[in-house]
Amino acid sequence: MHYAISTTWGPTDTTRASLPFIFAATALEAGDTVTIMLFHDAVTVAVKGAHEQMVPCGPGPKFAEVFAHKNAEIIVCKPCAQVRGLDESSLIDNCRMGGMGDFYKQVARDDCKPVTF
């Protein structure tokens, strides 16, 4: 199974920002693949060094685990990042910039279930 996950939560609410990554880590542990699309404030989670500073309440963060996993694709909304002054060089190595078309391609897959946080 493939999960296409979209989120808008970032450092303004670290607990909500961590939920899509906890879900993704759970899916990856089960042998599934994931794509996380970061929109709005969530794009800042993919900035080098940012997720290490985010401490959610409740379950431990899974940011690093998901960013490093070979079966996880992290797409950062390019327009959302650019309006915040971010470019591809400011992102964690396993992330790339993209747009809604990239997310649509994942959701349109026959084996995909979309999840939104």
PDB file of N, CA and C in Angstrom:
ATOM      1  N   MET A   1       0.856  -1.177   0.000  1.00  0.00           N
ATOM      2  CA  MET A   1       0.000   0.000   0.000  1.00  0.00           C
ATOM      3  C   MET A   1       0.899   1.236   0.000  1.00  0.00           C
ATOM      4  N   HIS A   2       0.412   2.286  -0.628  1.00  0.00           N
ATOM      5  CA  HIS A   2       1.104   3.573  -0.636  1.00  0.00           C
ATOM      6  C   HIS A   2       0.182   4.600   0.013  1.00  0.00           C
ATOM      7  N   TYR A   3       0.753   5.436   0.854  1.00  0.00           N
ATOM      8  CA  TYR A   3       0.004   6.507   1.497  1.00  0.00           C
ATOM      9  C   TYR A   3       0.545   7.842   1.028  1.00  0.00           C
ATOM     10  N   ALA A   4      -0.339   8.705   0.547  1.00  0.00           N
ATOM     11  CA  ALA A   4       0.005  10.076   0.186  1.00  0.00           C
ATOM     12  C   ALA A   4      -0.543  10.964   1.303  1.00  0.00           C
ATOM     13  N   ILE A   5       0.356  11.577   2.035  1.00  0.00           N
ATOM     14  CA  ILE A   5       0.004  12.330   3.239  1.00  0.00           C
ATOM     15  C   ILE A   5       0.235  13.810   2.974  1.00  0.00           C
ATOM     16  N   SER A   6      -0.750  14.627   3.266  1.00  0.00           N
ATOM     17  CA  SER A   6      -0.564  16.074   3.155  1.00  0.00           C
ATOM     18  C   SER A   6      -0.727  16.704   4.531  1.00  0.00           C
ATOM     19  N   THR A   7       0.047  17.754   4.753  1.00  0.00           N
ATOM     20  CA  THR A   7      -0.024  18.449   6.031  1.00  0.00           C
ATOM     21  C   THR A   7       0.339  19.912   5.858  1.00  0.00           C
ATOM     22  N   THR A   8      -0.206  20.740   6.733  1.00  0.00           N
ATOM     23  CA  THR A   8       0.106  22.169   6.742  1.00  0.00           C
ATOM     24  C   THR A   8       0.724  22.599   8.069  1.00  0.00           C
ATOM     25  N   TRP A   9       0.846  21.674   9.018  1.00  0.00           N
ATOM     26  CA  TRP A   9       1.311  22.032  10.361  1.00  0.00           C
ATOM     27  C   TRP A   9       2.833  22.026  10.451  1.00  0.00           C
ATOM     28  N   GLY A  10       3.368  23.054  11.070  1.00  0.00           N
ATOM     29  CA  GLY A  10       4.807  23.183  11.260  1.00  0.00           C
ATOM     30  C   GLY A  10       5.141  23.564  12.687  1.00  0.00           C
ATOM     31  N   PRO A  11       6.184  24.346  12.883  1.00  0.00           N
ATOM     32  CA  PRO A  11       6.659  24.665  14.228  1.00  0.00           C
ATOM     33  C   PRO A  11       5.701  25.505  15.070  1.00  0.00           C
ATOM     34  N   THR A  12       4.653  26.052  14.470  1.00  0.00           N
ATOM     35  CA  THR A  12       3.675  26.796  15.268  1.00  0.00           C
ATOM     36  C   THR A  12       2.865  25.864  16.173  1.00  0.00           C
ATOM     37  N   ASP A  13       2.814  24.576  15.819  1.00  0.00           N
ATOM     38  CA  ASP A  13       2.179  23.558  16.665  1.00  0.00           C
ATOM     39  C   ASP A  13       2.942  22.256  16.433  1.00  0.00           C
ATOM     40  N   THR A  14       3.957  22.030  17.238  1.00  0.00           N
ATOM     41  CA  THR A  14       4.856  20.894  17.031  1.00  0.00           C
ATOM     42  C   THR A  14       4.169  19.545  17.201  1.00  0.00           C
ATOM     43  N   THR A  15       3.152  19.482  18.035  1.00  0.00           N
ATOM     44  CA  THR A  15       2.441  18.214  18.212  1.00  0.00           C
ATOM     45  C   THR A  15       1.674  17.868  16.940  1.00  0.00           C
ATOM     46  N   ARG A  16       0.942  18.818  16.404  1.00  0.00           N
ATOM     47  CA  ARG A  16       0.226  18.558  15.153  1.00  0.00           C
ATOM     48  C   ARG A  16       1.195  18.306  14.007  1.00  0.00           C
ATOM     49  N   ALA A  17       2.332  18.984  14.012  1.00  0.00           N
ATOM     50  CA  ALA A  17       3.332  18.782  12.963  1.00  0.00           C
ATOM     51  C   ALA A  17       3.901  17.375  12.991  1.00  0.00           C
ATOM     52  N   SER A  18       3.950  16.768  14.167  1.00  0.00           N
ATOM     53  CA  SER A  18       4.540  15.434  14.296  1.00  0.00           C
ATOM     54  C   SER A  18       3.584  14.318  13.871  1.00  0.00           C
ATOM     55  N   LEU A  19       2.287  14.546  13.896  1.00  0.00           N
ATOM     56  CA  LEU A  19       1.315  13.484  13.617  1.00  0.00           C
ATOM     57  C   LEU A  19       1.479  12.832  12.246  1.00  0.00           C
ATOM     58  N   PRO A  20       1.649  13.585  11.146  1.00  0.00           N
ATOM     59  CA  PRO A  20       1.828  12.901   9.863  1.00  0.00           C
ATOM     60  C   PRO A  20       3.098  12.061   9.818  1.00  0.00           C
ATOM     61  N   PHE A  21       4.116  12.477  10.552  1.00  0.00           N
ATOM     62  CA  PHE A  21       5.365  11.716  10.582  1.00  0.00           C
ATOM     63  C   PHE A  21       5.227  10.456  11.432  1.00  0.00           C
ATOM     64  N   ILE A  22       4.434  10.512  12.479  1.00  0.00           N
ATOM     65  CA  ILE A  22       4.160   9.314  13.284  1.00  0.00           C
ATOM     66  C   ILE A  22       3.362   8.312  12.443  1.00  0.00           C
ATOM     67  N   PHE A  23       2.358   8.816  11.725  1.00  0.00           N
ATOM     68  CA  PHE A  23       1.587   7.937  10.837  1.00  0.00           C
ATOM     69  C   PHE A  23       2.501   7.335   9.773  1.00  0.00           C
ATOM     70  N   ALA A  24       3.330   8.162   9.147  1.00  0.00           N
ATOM     71  CA  ALA A  24       4.237   7.683   8.097  1.00  0.00           C
ATOM     72  C   ALA A  24       5.195   6.634   8.640  1.00  0.00           C
ATOM     73  N   ALA A  25       5.755   6.858   9.822  1.00  0.00           N
ATOM     74  CA  ALA A  25       6.683   5.892  10.418  1.00  0.00           C
ATOM     75  C   ALA A  25       5.987   4.562  10.670  1.00  0.00           C
ATOM     76  N   THR A  26       4.743   4.617  11.109  1.00  0.00           N
ATOM     77  CA  THR A  26       3.963   3.399  11.337  1.00  0.00           C
ATOM     78  C   THR A  26       3.740   2.643  10.033  1.00  0.00           C
ATOM     79  N   ALA A  27       3.389   3.365   8.965  1.00  0.00           N
ATOM     80  CA  ALA A  27       3.185   2.734   7.658  1.00  0.00           C
ATOM     81  C   ALA A  27       4.490   2.141   7.131  1.00  0.00           C
ATOM     82  N   LEU A  28       5.589   2.861   7.295  1.00  0.00           N
ATOM     83  CA  LEU A  28       6.885   2.360   6.840  1.00  0.00           C
ATOM     84  C   LEU A  28       7.299   1.104   7.599  1.00  0.00           C
ATOM     85  N   GLU A  29       7.033   1.078   8.908  1.00  0.00           N
ATOM     86  CA  GLU A  29       7.335  -0.118   9.707  1.00  0.00           C
ATOM     87  C   GLU A  29       6.543  -1.324   9.227  1.00  0.00           C
ATOM     88  N   ALA A  30       5.352  -1.078   8.686  1.00  0.00           N
ATOM     89  CA  ALA A  30       4.497  -2.162   8.179  1.00  0.00           C
ATOM     90  C   ALA A  30       4.894  -2.592   6.769  1.00  0.00           C
ATOM     91  N   GLY A  31       5.888  -1.917   6.190  1.00  0.00           N
ATOM     92  CA  GLY A  31       6.355  -2.275   4.854  1.00  0.00           C
ATOM     93  C   GLY A  31       5.722  -1.489   3.725  1.00  0.00           C
ATOM     94  N   ASP A  32       4.939  -0.478   4.047  1.00  0.00           N
ATOM     95  CA  ASP A  32       4.301   0.346   3.029  1.00  0.00           C
ATOM     96  C   ASP A  32       5.244   1.457   2.578  1.00  0.00           C
ATOM     97  N   THR A  33       4.841   2.189   1.560  1.00  0.00           N
ATOM     98  CA  THR A  33       5.584   3.359   1.097  1.00  0.00           C
ATOM     99  C   THR A  33       4.740   4.603   1.371  1.00  0.00           C
ATOM    100  N   VAL A  34       5.415   5.746   1.509  1.00  0.00           N
ATOM    101  CA  VAL A  34       4.707   6.992   1.795  1.00  0.00           C
ATOM    102  C   VAL A  34       5.290   8.146   0.994  1.00  0.00           C
ATOM    103  N   THR A  35       4.420   9.066   0.681  1.00  0.00           N
ATOM    104  CA  THR A  35       4.811  10.380   0.185  1.00  0.00           C
ATOM    105  C   THR A  35       4.184  11.384   1.134  1.00  0.00           C
ATOM    106  N   ILE A  36       4.987  12.288   1.664  1.00  0.00           N
ATOM    107  CA  ILE A  36       4.458  13.370   2.492  1.00  0.00           C
ATOM    108  C   ILE A  36       4.617  14.659   1.701  1.00  0.00           C
ATOM    109  N   MET A  37       3.518  15.375   1.554  1.00  0.00           N
ATOM    110  CA  MET A  37       3.535  16.673   0.888  1.00  0.00           C
ATOM    111  C   MET A  37       3.376  17.739   1.959  1.00  0.00           C
ATOM    112  N   LEU A  38       4.384  18.591   2.072  1.00  0.00           N
ATOM    113  CA  LEU A  38       4.396  19.650   3.075  1.00  0.00           C
ATOM    114  C   LEU A  38       3.920  20.952   2.441  1.00  0.00           C
ATOM    115  N   PHE A  39       2.817  21.487   2.963  1.00  0.00           N
ATOM    116  CA  PHE A  39       2.255  22.753   2.495  1.00  0.00           C
ATOM    117  C   PHE A  39       2.336  23.784   3.622  1.00  0.00           C
ATOM    118  N   HIS A  40       2.113  25.047   3.276  1.00  0.00           N
ATOM    119  CA  HIS A  40       1.962  26.144   4.235  1.00  0.00           C
ATOM    120  C   HIS A  40       3.111  26.131   5.251  1.00  0.00           C
ATOM    121  N   ASP A  41       2.795  26.195   6.532  1.00  0.00           N
ATOM    122  CA  ASP A  41       3.800  26.251   7.599  1.00  0.00           C
ATOM    123  C   ASP A  41       4.632  24.970   7.684  1.00  0.00           C
ATOM    124  N   ALA A  42       4.112  23.862   7.172  1.00  0.00           N
ATOM    125  CA  ALA A  42       4.817  22.575   7.258  1.00  0.00           C
ATOM    126  C   ALA A  42       6.107  22.563   6.445  1.00  0.00           C
ATOM    127  N   VAL A  43       6.243  23.448   5.452  1.00  0.00           N
ATOM    128  CA  VAL A  43       7.468  23.441   4.651  1.00  0.00           C
ATOM    129  C   VAL A  43       8.701  23.696   5.511  1.00  0.00           C
ATOM    130  N   THR A  44       8.535  24.420   6.602  1.00  0.00           N
ATOM    131  CA  THR A  44       9.682  24.746   7.455  1.00  0.00           C
ATOM    132  C   THR A  44      10.204  23.534   8.225  1.00  0.00           C
ATOM    133  N   VAL A  45       9.414  22.481   8.334  1.00  0.00           N
ATOM    134  CA  VAL A  45       9.866  21.254   8.993  1.00  0.00           C
ATOM    135  C   VAL A  45      11.017  20.623   8.211  1.00  0.00           C
ATOM    136  N   ALA A  46      11.038  20.828   6.891  1.00  0.00           N
ATOM    137  CA  ALA A  46      12.059  20.226   6.033  1.00  0.00           C
ATOM    138  C   ALA A  46      13.335  21.055   5.926  1.00  0.00           C
ATOM    139  N   VAL A  47      13.388  22.186   6.597  1.00  0.00           N
ATOM    140  CA  VAL A  47      14.605  23.006   6.586  1.00  0.00           C
ATOM    141  C   VAL A  47      15.664  22.316   7.445  1.00  0.00           C
ATOM    142  N   LYS A  48      16.880  22.290   6.945  1.00  0.00           N
ATOM    143  CA  LYS A  48      17.982  21.657   7.679  1.00  0.00           C
ATOM    144  C   LYS A  48      18.033  22.180   9.115  1.00  0.00           C
ATOM    145  N   GLY A  49      18.027  21.259  10.071  1.00  0.00           N
ATOM    146  CA  GLY A  49      18.129  21.596  11.488  1.00  0.00           C
ATOM    147  C   GLY A  49      16.833  21.956  12.178  1.00  0.00           C
ATOM    148  N   ALA A  50      15.757  22.149  11.430  1.00  0.00           N
ATOM    149  CA  ALA A  50      14.492  22.598  12.031  1.00  0.00           C
ATOM    150  C   ALA A  50      13.808  21.521  12.852  1.00  0.00           C
ATOM    151  N   HIS A  51      13.677  20.317  12.285  1.00  0.00           N
ATOM    152  CA  HIS A  51      12.903  19.292  13.000  1.00  0.00           C
ATOM    153  C   HIS A  51      13.590  18.855  14.292  1.00  0.00           C
ATOM    154  N   GLU A  52      14.896  19.018  14.380  1.00  0.00           N
ATOM    155  CA  GLU A  52      15.609  18.664  15.613  1.00  0.00           C
ATOM    156  C   GLU A  52      15.211  19.579  16.780  1.00  0.00           C
ATOM    157  N   GLN A  53      14.708  20.761  16.464  1.00  0.00           N
ATOM    158  CA  GLN A  53      14.298  21.728  17.483  1.00  0.00           C
ATOM    159  C   GLN A  53      12.836  21.575  17.884  1.00  0.00           C
ATOM    160  N   MET A  54      12.100  20.732  17.181  1.00  0.00           N
ATOM    161  CA  MET A  54      10.668  20.591  17.422  1.00  0.00           C
ATOM    162  C   MET A  54      10.405  19.442  18.396  1.00  0.00           C
ATOM    163  N   VAL A  55       9.797  19.776  19.537  1.00  0.00           N
ATOM    164  CA  VAL A  55       9.499  18.788  20.564  1.00  0.00           C
ATOM    165  C   VAL A  55       7.989  18.740  20.776  1.00  0.00           C
ATOM    166  N   PRO A  56       7.341  17.688  20.255  1.00  0.00           N
ATOM    167  CA  PRO A  56       5.894  17.577  20.430  1.00  0.00           C
ATOM    168  C   PRO A  56       5.529  17.025  21.810  1.00  0.00           C
ATOM    169  N   CYS A  57       4.302  17.285  22.229  1.00  0.00           N
ATOM    170  CA  CYS A  57       3.774  16.664  23.448  1.00  0.00           C
ATOM    171  C   CYS A  57       3.209  15.307  23.058  1.00  0.00           C
ATOM    172  N   GLY A  58       3.353  14.322  23.919  1.00  0.00           N
ATOM    173  CA  GLY A  58       2.819  12.998  23.622  1.00  0.00           C
ATOM    174  C   GLY A  58       3.872  12.089  23.041  1.00  0.00           C
ATOM    175  N   PRO A  59       3.508  11.344  21.990  1.00  0.00           N
ATOM    176  CA  PRO A  59       4.465  10.395  21.404  1.00  0.00           C
ATOM    177  C   PRO A  59       5.722  11.098  20.909  1.00  0.00           C
ATOM    178  N   GLY A  60       6.811  10.382  20.956  1.00  0.00           N
ATOM    179  CA  GLY A  60       8.079  10.943  20.496  1.00  0.00           C
ATOM    180  C   GLY A  60       8.039  11.275  19.016  1.00  0.00           C
ATOM    181  N   PRO A  61       8.833  12.245  18.607  1.00  0.00           N
ATOM    182  CA  PRO A  61       8.837  12.633  17.196  1.00  0.00           C
ATOM    183  C   PRO A  61       9.457  11.546  16.325  1.00  0.00           C
ATOM    184  N   LYS A  62       8.996  11.463  15.108  1.00  0.00           N
ATOM    185  CA  LYS A  62       9.499  10.488  14.132  1.00  0.00           C
ATOM    186  C   LYS A  62      10.051  11.186  12.895  1.00  0.00           C
ATOM    187  N   PHE A  63      10.322  12.488  13.015  1.00  0.00           N
ATOM    188  CA  PHE A  63      10.780  13.266  11.863  1.00  0.00           C
ATOM    189  C   PHE A  63      12.010  12.639  11.218  1.00  0.00           C
ATOM    190  N   ALA A  64      13.081  12.475  11.993  1.00  0.00           N
ATOM    191  CA  ALA A  64      14.360  11.993  11.452  1.00  0.00           C
ATOM    192  C   ALA A  64      14.204  10.606  10.834  1.00  0.00           C
ATOM    193  N   GLU A  65      13.444   9.755  11.491  1.00  0.00           N
ATOM    194  CA  GLU A  65      13.221   8.388  11.006  1.00  0.00           C
ATOM    195  C   GLU A  65      12.580   8.391   9.617  1.00  0.00           C
ATOM    196  N   VAL A  66      11.589   9.240   9.422  1.00  0.00           N
ATOM    197  CA  VAL A  66      10.891   9.298   8.137  1.00  0.00           C
ATOM    198  C   VAL A  66      11.762   9.987   7.084  1.00  0.00           C
ATOM    199  N   PHE A  67      12.408  11.090   7.445  1.00  0.00           N
ATOM    200  CA  PHE A  67      13.270  11.784   6.483  1.00  0.00           C
ATOM    201  C   PHE A  67      14.357  10.858   5.937  1.00  0.00           C
ATOM    202  N   ALA A  68      14.852   9.953   6.755  1.00  0.00           N
ATOM    203  CA  ALA A  68      15.958   9.081   6.359  1.00  0.00           C
ATOM    204  C   ALA A  68      15.515   7.776   5.685  1.00  0.00           C
ATOM    205  N   HIS A  69      14.236   7.461   5.719  1.00  0.00           N
ATOM    206  CA  HIS A  69      13.772   6.161   5.230  1.00  0.00           C
ATOM    207  C   HIS A  69      13.772   6.102   3.702  1.00  0.00           C
ATOM    208  N   LYS A  70      14.252   4.999   3.160  1.00  0.00           N
ATOM    209  CA  LYS A  70      14.338   4.838   1.697  1.00  0.00           C
ATOM    210  C   LYS A  70      12.981   4.739   1.021  1.00  0.00           C
ATOM    211  N   ASN A  71      11.939   4.369   1.745  1.00  0.00           N
ATOM    212  CA  ASN A  71      10.605   4.243   1.167  1.00  0.00           C
ATOM    213  C   ASN A  71       9.707   5.446   1.448  1.00  0.00           C
ATOM    214  N   ALA A  72      10.341   6.549   1.875  1.00  0.00           N
ATOM    215  CA  ALA A  72       9.595   7.788   2.130  1.00  0.00           C
ATOM    216  C   ALA A  72      10.055   8.862   1.155  1.00  0.00           C
ATOM    217  N   GLU A  73       9.091   9.486   0.529  1.00  0.00           N
ATOM    218  CA  GLU A  73       9.363  10.620  -0.344  1.00  0.00           C
ATOM    219  C   GLU A  73       8.767  11.856   0.323  1.00  0.00           C
ATOM    220  N   ILE A  74       9.583  12.894   0.480  1.00  0.00           N
ATOM    221  CA  ILE A  74       9.121  14.131   1.098  1.00  0.00           C
ATOM    222  C   ILE A  74       9.155  15.223   0.027  1.00  0.00           C
ATOM    223  N   ILE A  75       7.985  15.790  -0.258  1.00  0.00           N
ATOM    224  CA  ILE A  75       7.876  16.857  -1.243  1.00  0.00           C
ATOM    225  C   ILE A  75       7.478  18.143  -0.517  1.00  0.00           C
ATOM    226  N   VAL A  76       8.220  19.191  -0.769  1.00  0.00           N
ATOM    227  CA  VAL A  76       7.970  20.501  -0.172  1.00  0.00           C
ATOM    228  C   VAL A  76       7.299  21.387  -1.219  1.00  0.00           C
ATOM    229  N   CYS A  77       6.168  21.954  -0.871  1.00  0.00           N
ATOM    230  CA  CYS A  77       5.455  22.833  -1.800  1.00  0.00           C
ATOM    231  C   CYS A  77       6.360  24.007  -2.189  1.00  0.00           C
ATOM    232  N   LYS A  78       6.705  24.066  -3.455  1.00  0.00           N
ATOM    233  CA  LYS A  78       7.640  25.091  -3.930  1.00  0.00           C
ATOM    234  C   LYS A  78       7.105  26.510  -3.723  1.00  0.00           C
ATOM    235  N   PRO A  79       5.851  26.808  -4.121  1.00  0.00           N
ATOM    236  CA  PRO A  79       5.359  28.174  -3.886  1.00  0.00           C
ATOM    237  C   PRO A  79       5.310  28.526  -2.394  1.00  0.00           C
ATOM    238  N   CYS A  80       4.931  27.558  -1.547  1.00  0.00           N
ATOM    239  CA  CYS A  80       4.876  27.798  -0.103  1.00  0.00           C
ATOM    240  C   CYS A  80       6.268  28.077   0.464  1.00  0.00           C
ATOM    241  N   ALA A  81       7.263  27.366  -0.049  1.00  0.00           N
ATOM    242  CA  ALA A  81       8.642  27.554   0.409  1.00  0.00           C
ATOM    243  C   ALA A  81       9.202  28.880  -0.095  1.00  0.00           C
ATOM    244  N   GLN A  82       8.978  29.181  -1.362  1.00  0.00           N
ATOM    245  CA  GLN A  82       9.539  30.399  -1.943  1.00  0.00           C
ATOM    246  C   GLN A  82       9.012  31.657  -1.266  1.00  0.00           C
ATOM    247  N   VAL A  83       7.729  31.663  -0.917  1.00  0.00           N
ATOM    248  CA  VAL A  83       7.166  32.842  -0.263  1.00  0.00           C
ATOM    249  C   VAL A  83       7.787  33.039   1.133  1.00  0.00           C
ATOM    250  N   ARG A  84       8.368  31.981   1.686  1.00  0.00           N
ATOM    251  CA  ARG A  84       9.053  32.048   2.983  1.00  0.00           C
ATOM    252  C   ARG A  84      10.562  32.240   2.816  1.00  0.00           C
ATOM    253  N   GLY A  85      11.002  32.473   1.601  1.00  0.00           N
ATOM    254  CA  GLY A  85      12.417  32.722   1.340  1.00  0.00           C
ATOM    255  C   GLY A  85      13.281  31.475   1.330  1.00  0.00           C
ATOM    256  N   LEU A  86      12.654  30.313   1.157  1.00  0.00           N
ATOM    257  CA  LEU A  86      13.392  29.049   1.160  1.00  0.00           C
ATOM    258  C   LEU A  86      13.642  28.574  -0.259  1.00  0.00           C
ATOM    259  N   ASP A  87      14.795  27.961  -0.472  1.00  0.00           N
ATOM    260  CA  ASP A  87      15.062  27.317  -1.751  1.00  0.00           C
ATOM    261  C   ASP A  87      15.522  25.889  -1.489  1.00  0.00           C
ATOM    262  N   GLU A  88      15.745  25.145  -2.552  1.00  0.00           N
ATOM    263  CA  GLU A  88      16.082  23.720  -2.431  1.00  0.00           C
ATOM    264  C   GLU A  88      17.324  23.491  -1.572  1.00  0.00           C
ATOM    265  N   SER A  89      18.274  24.412  -1.598  1.00  0.00           N
ATOM    266  CA  SER A  89      19.518  24.236  -0.834  1.00  0.00           C
ATOM    267  C   SER A  89      19.307  24.323   0.677  1.00  0.00           C
ATOM    268  N   SER A  90      18.189  24.882   1.114  1.00  0.00           N
ATOM    269  CA  SER A  90      17.921  24.981   2.555  1.00  0.00           C
ATOM    270  C   SER A  90      17.225  23.739   3.108  1.00  0.00           C
ATOM    271  N   LEU A  91      16.877  22.787   2.225  1.00  0.00           N
ATOM    272  CA  LEU A  91      16.124  21.605   2.641  1.00  0.00           C
ATOM    273  C   LEU A  91      17.035  20.436   3.012  1.00  0.00           C
ATOM    274  N   ILE A  92      16.501  19.549   3.828  1.00  0.00           N
ATOM    275  CA  ILE A  92      17.148  18.288   4.156  1.00  0.00           C
ATOM    276  C   ILE A  92      17.386  17.540   2.849  1.00  0.00           C
ATOM    277  N   ASP A  93      18.490  16.810   2.766  1.00  0.00           N
ATOM    278  CA  ASP A  93      18.890  16.159   1.518  1.00  0.00           C
ATOM    279  C   ASP A  93      17.827  15.253   0.905  1.00  0.00           C
ATOM    280  N   ASN A  94      17.032  14.579   1.696  1.00  0.00           N
ATOM    281  CA  ASN A  94      16.055  13.613   1.181  1.00  0.00           C
ATOM    282  C   ASN A  94      14.744  14.278   0.746  1.00  0.00           C
ATOM    283  N   CYS A  95      14.699  15.611   0.722  1.00  0.00           N
ATOM    284  CA  CYS A  95      13.486  16.333   0.338  1.00  0.00           C
ATOM    285  C   CYS A  95      13.678  16.989  -1.020  1.00  0.00           C
ATOM    286  N   ARG A  96      12.556  17.224  -1.674  1.00  0.00           N
ATOM    287  CA  ARG A  96      12.613  17.963  -2.939  1.00  0.00           C
ATOM    288  C   ARG A  96      11.417  18.892  -3.017  1.00  0.00           C
ATOM    289  N   MET A  97      11.550  19.915  -3.835  1.00  0.00           N
ATOM    290  CA  MET A  97      10.439  20.836  -4.047  1.00  0.00           C
ATOM    291  C   MET A  97       9.531  20.283  -5.132  1.00  0.00           C
ATOM    292  N   GLY A  98       8.266  20.596  -5.014  1.00  0.00           N
ATOM    293  CA  GLY A  98       7.289  20.157  -5.990  1.00  0.00           C
ATOM    294  C   GLY A  98       6.015  20.963  -5.836  1.00  0.00           C
ATOM    295  N   GLY A  99       4.972  20.472  -6.468  1.00  0.00           N
ATOM    296  CA  GLY A  99       3.702  21.187  -6.424  1.00  0.00           C
ATOM    297  C   GLY A  99       2.518  20.249  -6.313  1.00  0.00           C
ATOM    298  N   MET A 100       1.354  20.820  -6.453  1.00  0.00           N
ATOM    299  CA  MET A 100       0.130  20.043  -6.317  1.00  0.00           C
ATOM    300  C   MET A 100       0.061  18.925  -7.347  1.00  0.00           C
ATOM    301  N   GLY A 101       0.637  19.130  -8.517  1.00  0.00           N
ATOM    302  CA  GLY A 101       0.657  18.083  -9.534  1.00  0.00           C
ATOM    303  C   GLY A 101       1.395  16.840  -9.060  1.00  0.00           C
ATOM    304  N   ASP A 102       2.470  17.036  -8.310  1.00  0.00           N
ATOM    305  CA  ASP A 102       3.216  15.901  -7.749  1.00  0.00           C
ATOM    306  C   ASP A 102       2.365  15.134  -6.744  1.00  0.00           C
ATOM    307  N   PHE A 103       1.640  15.876  -5.915  1.00  0.00           N
ATOM    308  CA  PHE A 103       0.776  15.223  -4.932  1.00  0.00           C
ATOM    309  C   PHE A 103      -0.361  14.494  -5.635  1.00  0.00           C
ATOM    310  N   TYR A 104      -0.935  15.122  -6.649  1.00  0.00           N
ATOM    311  CA  TYR A 104      -2.012  14.494  -7.409  1.00  0.00           C
ATOM    312  C   TYR A 104      -1.557  13.168  -8.013  1.00  0.00           C
ATOM    313  N   LYS A 105      -0.353  13.118  -8.572  1.00  0.00           N
ATOM    314  CA  LYS A 105       0.155  11.881  -9.171  1.00  0.00           C
ATOM    315  C   LYS A 105       0.197  10.748  -8.152  1.00  0.00           C
ATOM    316  N   GLN A 106       0.523  11.063  -6.923  1.00  0.00           N
ATOM    317  CA  GLN A 106       0.565  10.038  -5.888  1.00  0.00           C
ATOM    318  C   GLN A 106      -0.850   9.587  -5.501  1.00  0.00           C
ATOM    319  N   VAL A 107      -1.730  10.549  -5.296  1.00  0.00           N
ATOM    320  CA  VAL A 107      -3.113  10.230  -4.906  1.00  0.00           C
ATOM    321  C   VAL A 107      -3.825   9.446  -6.002  1.00  0.00           C
ATOM    322  N   ALA A 108      -3.485   9.693  -7.253  1.00  0.00           N
ATOM    323  CA  ALA A 108      -4.148   9.029  -8.380  1.00  0.00           C
ATOM    324  C   ALA A 108      -3.706   7.575  -8.569  1.00  0.00           C
ATOM    325  N   ARG A 109      -2.667   7.163  -7.871  1.00  0.00           N
ATOM    326  CA  ARG A 109      -2.214   5.775  -7.998  1.00  0.00           C
ATOM    327  C   ARG A 109      -3.295   4.815  -7.517  1.00  0.00           C
ATOM    328  N   ASP A 110      -3.413   3.674  -8.173  1.00  0.00           N
ATOM    329  CA  ASP A 110      -4.419   2.678  -7.789  1.00  0.00           C
ATOM    330  C   ASP A 110      -4.180   2.108  -6.394  1.00  0.00           C
ATOM    331  N   ASP A 111      -2.928   2.068  -5.967  1.00  0.00           N
ATOM    332  CA  ASP A 111      -2.593   1.470  -4.673  1.00  0.00           C
ATOM    333  C   ASP A 111      -2.477   2.505  -3.557  1.00  0.00           C
ATOM    334  N   CYS A 112      -2.983   3.725  -3.775  1.00  0.00           N
ATOM    335  CA  CYS A 112      -2.763   4.825  -2.830  1.00  0.00           C
ATOM    336  C   CYS A 112      -4.004   5.141  -1.997  1.00  0.00           C
ATOM    337  N   LYS A 113      -3.736   5.457  -0.751  1.00  0.00           N
ATOM    338  CA  LYS A 113      -4.767   6.001   0.134  1.00  0.00           C
ATOM    339  C   LYS A 113      -4.271   7.378   0.583  1.00  0.00           C
ATOM    340  N   PRO A 114      -5.051   8.425   0.343  1.00  0.00           N
ATOM    341  CA  PRO A 114      -4.653   9.754   0.812  1.00  0.00           C
ATOM    342  C   PRO A 114      -5.011   9.969   2.271  1.00  0.00           C
ATOM    343  N   VAL A 115      -4.137  10.668   2.971  1.00  0.00           N
ATOM    344  CA  VAL A 115      -4.348  10.995   4.385  1.00  0.00           C
ATOM    345  C   VAL A 115      -3.991  12.474   4.550  1.00  0.00           C
ATOM    346  N   THR A 116      -4.838  13.213   5.247  1.00  0.00           N
ATOM    347  CA  THR A 116      -4.598  14.635   5.443  1.00  0.00           C
ATOM    348  C   THR A 116      -4.548  14.965   6.924  1.00  0.00           C
ATOM    349  N   PHE A 117      -3.558  15.749   7.278  1.00  0.00           N
ATOM    350  CA  PHE A 117      -3.426  16.232   8.669  1.00  0.00           C
ATOM    351  C   PHE A 117      -3.472  17.742   8.661  1.00  0.00           C
TER     352      PHE A 117
END
